């Protein structure tokens, strides 16, 4: 686990990290969320994404459903 006592403002680093991630995962939608441990409700969360806002919201909703056990399996592909 990271050293939670060291405080660094992630905002200046997010764009640079995103550029590196895009180089590693070309053609994929990406998001990076950075937040303080044990303070997510009262704390601050920084994030960056290369996706359109609507696509990112849909992806986050799908992830939340999976984490909460509400996700349903995808239907069979017709391809």
N, C-alpha and C. Protein backbone atom coordinates (compact mmCIF):
# COMPACT_ATOMS: atom_id res chain seq x y z
N UNK A 1 0.84 -1.18 0.00
CA UNK A 1 0.00 0.00 0.00
C UNK A 1 0.89 1.24 0.00
N UNK A 2 0.39 2.29 -0.59
CA UNK A 2 1.14 3.54 -0.67
C UNK A 2 1.29 4.18 0.70
N UNK A 3 2.29 5.03 0.81
CA UNK A 3 2.50 5.80 2.04
C UNK A 3 1.42 6.87 2.10
N UNK A 4 0.41 6.68 2.95
CA UNK A 4 -0.72 7.60 3.01
C UNK A 4 -0.41 8.89 3.76
N UNK A 5 0.76 9.00 4.38
CA UNK A 5 1.10 10.22 5.10
C UNK A 5 1.67 11.27 4.16
N UNK A 6 2.14 10.88 3.00
CA UNK A 6 2.74 11.82 2.05
C UNK A 6 1.63 12.44 1.20
N UNK A 7 1.49 13.74 1.26
CA UNK A 7 0.44 14.43 0.52
C UNK A 7 1.03 15.09 -0.72
N UNK A 8 0.50 14.71 -1.88
CA UNK A 8 0.92 15.28 -3.15
C UNK A 8 -0.34 15.69 -3.89
N UNK A 9 -0.35 16.86 -4.45
CA UNK A 9 -1.48 17.29 -5.27
C UNK A 9 -1.37 16.58 -6.61
N UNK A 10 -2.31 15.67 -6.92
CA UNK A 10 -2.19 14.89 -8.16
C UNK A 10 -2.52 15.67 -9.42
N UNK A 11 -3.22 16.78 -9.30
CA UNK A 11 -3.70 17.51 -10.48
C UNK A 11 -2.61 17.80 -11.51
N UNK A 12 -1.43 18.27 -11.12
CA UNK A 12 -0.42 18.58 -12.14
C UNK A 12 0.11 17.36 -12.89
N UNK A 13 -0.08 16.17 -12.36
CA UNK A 13 0.46 14.95 -12.96
C UNK A 13 -0.54 14.21 -13.85
N UNK A 14 -1.82 14.48 -13.69
CA UNK A 14 -2.84 13.67 -14.33
C UNK A 14 -2.74 13.64 -15.86
N UNK A 15 -2.55 14.78 -16.49
CA UNK A 15 -2.48 14.81 -17.96
C UNK A 15 -1.27 14.02 -18.47
N UNK A 16 -0.13 14.16 -17.81
CA UNK A 16 1.06 13.42 -18.22
C UNK A 16 0.88 11.91 -18.07
N UNK A 17 0.27 11.49 -16.97
CA UNK A 17 0.02 10.07 -16.76
C UNK A 17 -0.96 9.56 -17.81
N UNK A 18 -1.99 10.36 -18.13
CA UNK A 18 -2.97 9.94 -19.13
C UNK A 18 -2.31 9.77 -20.50
N UNK A 19 -1.41 10.66 -20.86
CA UNK A 19 -0.71 10.53 -22.15
C UNK A 19 0.08 9.23 -22.21
N UNK A 20 0.72 8.87 -21.11
CA UNK A 20 1.48 7.61 -21.06
C UNK A 20 0.55 6.41 -21.16
N UNK A 21 -0.58 6.46 -20.45
CA UNK A 21 -1.54 5.36 -20.51
C UNK A 21 -2.12 5.19 -21.93
N UNK A 22 -2.38 6.30 -22.60
CA UNK A 22 -2.90 6.23 -23.96
C UNK A 22 -1.88 5.58 -24.90
N UNK A 23 -0.61 5.82 -24.66
CA UNK A 23 0.43 5.20 -25.48
C UNK A 23 0.50 3.69 -25.23
N UNK A 24 0.23 3.27 -24.01
CA UNK A 24 0.27 1.85 -23.65
C UNK A 24 -1.00 1.14 -24.13
N UNK A 25 -2.14 1.82 -24.06
CA UNK A 25 -3.44 1.23 -24.41
C UNK A 25 -4.12 2.01 -25.53
N UNK A 26 -3.51 2.07 -26.72
CA UNK A 26 -4.12 2.86 -27.80
C UNK A 26 -5.48 2.29 -28.19
N UNK A 27 -6.42 3.19 -28.46
CA UNK A 27 -7.74 2.77 -28.90
C UNK A 27 -8.68 2.35 -27.80
N UNK A 28 -8.29 2.51 -26.55
CA UNK A 28 -9.14 2.14 -25.42
C UNK A 28 -9.56 3.38 -24.64
N UNK A 29 -10.75 3.32 -24.07
CA UNK A 29 -11.20 4.37 -23.17
C UNK A 29 -10.51 4.19 -21.83
N UNK A 30 -10.05 5.27 -21.26
CA UNK A 30 -9.30 5.22 -20.01
C UNK A 30 -9.81 6.26 -19.02
N UNK A 31 -9.66 5.95 -17.75
CA UNK A 31 -9.94 6.92 -16.70
C UNK A 31 -8.98 6.65 -15.54
N UNK A 32 -8.55 7.69 -14.91
CA UNK A 32 -7.70 7.59 -13.74
C UNK A 32 -8.34 8.41 -12.63
N UNK A 33 -8.62 7.77 -11.50
CA UNK A 33 -9.23 8.42 -10.35
C UNK A 33 -8.19 8.46 -9.23
N UNK A 34 -8.01 9.60 -8.62
CA UNK A 34 -7.06 9.75 -7.52
C UNK A 34 -7.80 10.42 -6.36
N UNK A 35 -7.77 9.74 -5.19
CA UNK A 35 -8.49 10.27 -4.03
C UNK A 35 -7.72 9.94 -2.76
N UNK A 36 -8.05 10.64 -1.69
CA UNK A 36 -7.43 10.39 -0.40
C UNK A 36 -8.05 9.15 0.24
N UNK A 37 -7.23 8.27 0.82
CA UNK A 37 -7.75 7.13 1.56
C UNK A 37 -8.59 7.62 2.73
N UNK A 38 -9.65 6.89 3.01
CA UNK A 38 -10.53 7.13 4.17
C UNK A 38 -11.19 8.51 4.18
N UNK A 39 -11.21 9.20 3.04
CA UNK A 39 -11.82 10.53 3.00
C UNK A 39 -12.64 10.73 1.74
N UNK A 40 -13.06 9.68 1.08
CA UNK A 40 -13.70 9.85 -0.21
C UNK A 40 -14.99 10.68 -0.11
N UNK A 41 -15.76 10.52 0.97
CA UNK A 41 -16.99 11.31 1.09
C UNK A 41 -16.70 12.78 1.37
N UNK A 42 -15.77 13.04 2.25
CA UNK A 42 -15.47 14.41 2.65
C UNK A 42 -14.22 14.96 1.97
N UNK A 43 -13.54 14.10 1.25
CA UNK A 43 -12.29 14.51 0.63
C UNK A 43 -12.48 15.01 -0.79
N UNK A 44 -11.40 14.96 -1.53
CA UNK A 44 -11.40 15.46 -2.89
C UNK A 44 -10.97 14.33 -3.80
N UNK A 45 -11.61 14.22 -4.94
CA UNK A 45 -11.20 13.24 -5.92
C UNK A 45 -10.86 13.97 -7.21
N UNK A 46 -9.69 13.68 -7.75
CA UNK A 46 -9.27 14.20 -9.04
C UNK A 46 -9.40 13.07 -10.04
N UNK A 47 -9.75 13.41 -11.26
CA UNK A 47 -9.83 12.38 -12.28
C UNK A 47 -9.56 12.97 -13.65
N UNK A 48 -9.17 12.08 -14.56
CA UNK A 48 -8.92 12.46 -15.93
C UNK A 48 -9.35 11.27 -16.79
N UNK A 49 -9.87 11.56 -17.98
CA UNK A 49 -10.32 10.51 -18.89
C UNK A 49 -10.09 10.96 -20.32
N UNK A 50 -9.93 10.00 -21.21
CA UNK A 50 -9.82 10.33 -22.63
C UNK A 50 -11.15 10.09 -23.35
N UNK A 51 -12.18 9.71 -22.61
CA UNK A 51 -13.48 9.39 -23.20
C UNK A 51 -14.41 10.60 -23.16
N UNK A 52 -15.44 10.55 -24.01
CA UNK A 52 -16.49 11.55 -23.92
C UNK A 52 -17.20 11.38 -22.58
N UNK A 53 -17.71 12.45 -22.04
CA UNK A 53 -18.33 12.41 -20.71
C UNK A 53 -19.43 11.35 -20.62
N UNK A 54 -20.31 11.28 -21.59
CA UNK A 54 -21.41 10.31 -21.54
C UNK A 54 -20.89 8.88 -21.52
N UNK A 55 -19.84 8.60 -22.30
CA UNK A 55 -19.25 7.27 -22.31
C UNK A 55 -18.60 6.94 -20.97
N UNK A 56 -17.96 7.93 -20.37
CA UNK A 56 -17.31 7.72 -19.08
C UNK A 56 -18.34 7.47 -17.99
N UNK A 57 -19.43 8.23 -18.00
CA UNK A 57 -20.49 8.04 -17.01
C UNK A 57 -21.07 6.63 -17.16
N UNK A 58 -21.31 6.18 -18.39
CA UNK A 58 -21.84 4.83 -18.62
C UNK A 58 -20.87 3.77 -18.11
N UNK A 59 -19.58 3.95 -18.37
CA UNK A 59 -18.58 2.98 -17.91
C UNK A 59 -18.52 2.95 -16.38
N UNK A 60 -18.59 4.12 -15.74
CA UNK A 60 -18.55 4.16 -14.27
C UNK A 60 -19.80 3.53 -13.67
N UNK A 61 -20.96 3.73 -14.30
CA UNK A 61 -22.19 3.10 -13.81
C UNK A 61 -22.10 1.58 -13.93
N UNK A 62 -21.55 1.10 -15.04
CA UNK A 62 -21.39 -0.33 -15.22
C UNK A 62 -20.43 -0.90 -14.17
N UNK A 63 -19.34 -0.20 -13.91
CA UNK A 63 -18.39 -0.64 -12.91
C UNK A 63 -19.03 -0.68 -11.52
N UNK A 64 -19.80 0.36 -11.18
CA UNK A 64 -20.46 0.39 -9.88
C UNK A 64 -21.45 -0.77 -9.75
N UNK A 65 -22.18 -1.07 -10.80
CA UNK A 65 -23.12 -2.19 -10.77
C UNK A 65 -22.38 -3.50 -10.55
N UNK A 66 -21.24 -3.68 -11.21
CA UNK A 66 -20.45 -4.90 -11.02
C UNK A 66 -19.93 -5.00 -9.58
N UNK A 67 -19.43 -3.90 -9.05
CA UNK A 67 -18.90 -3.91 -7.69
C UNK A 67 -19.98 -4.18 -6.65
N UNK A 68 -21.20 -3.71 -6.94
CA UNK A 68 -22.31 -3.89 -6.00
C UNK A 68 -23.09 -5.18 -6.26
N UNK A 69 -22.66 -5.97 -7.23
CA UNK A 69 -23.32 -7.24 -7.52
C UNK A 69 -24.63 -7.08 -8.26
N UNK A 70 -24.82 -5.95 -8.94
CA UNK A 70 -26.07 -5.70 -9.67
C UNK A 70 -25.94 -5.95 -11.17
N UNK A 71 -24.74 -6.29 -11.63
CA UNK A 71 -24.52 -6.43 -13.07
C UNK A 71 -25.11 -7.74 -13.58
N UNK A 72 -25.59 -7.71 -14.82
CA UNK A 72 -26.11 -8.90 -15.48
C UNK A 72 -25.13 -9.29 -16.58
N UNK A 73 -25.03 -10.56 -16.87
CA UNK A 73 -24.13 -10.97 -17.96
C UNK A 73 -24.57 -10.36 -19.29
N UNK A 74 -23.63 -10.10 -20.13
CA UNK A 74 -23.93 -9.55 -21.46
C UNK A 74 -24.64 -10.61 -22.30
N UNK A 75 -25.54 -10.19 -23.18
CA UNK A 75 -26.19 -11.15 -24.06
C UNK A 75 -25.17 -11.73 -25.04
N UNK A 76 -25.47 -12.88 -25.62
CA UNK A 76 -24.53 -13.46 -26.60
C UNK A 76 -24.31 -12.53 -27.77
N UNK A 77 -23.10 -12.52 -28.27
CA UNK A 77 -22.75 -11.67 -29.41
C UNK A 77 -23.33 -12.24 -30.68
N UNK A 78 -23.76 -11.38 -31.59
CA UNK A 78 -24.30 -11.80 -32.88
C UNK A 78 -23.26 -11.71 -33.98
N UNK A 79 -22.03 -11.46 -33.64
CA UNK A 79 -20.97 -11.29 -34.65
C UNK A 79 -20.48 -12.60 -35.17
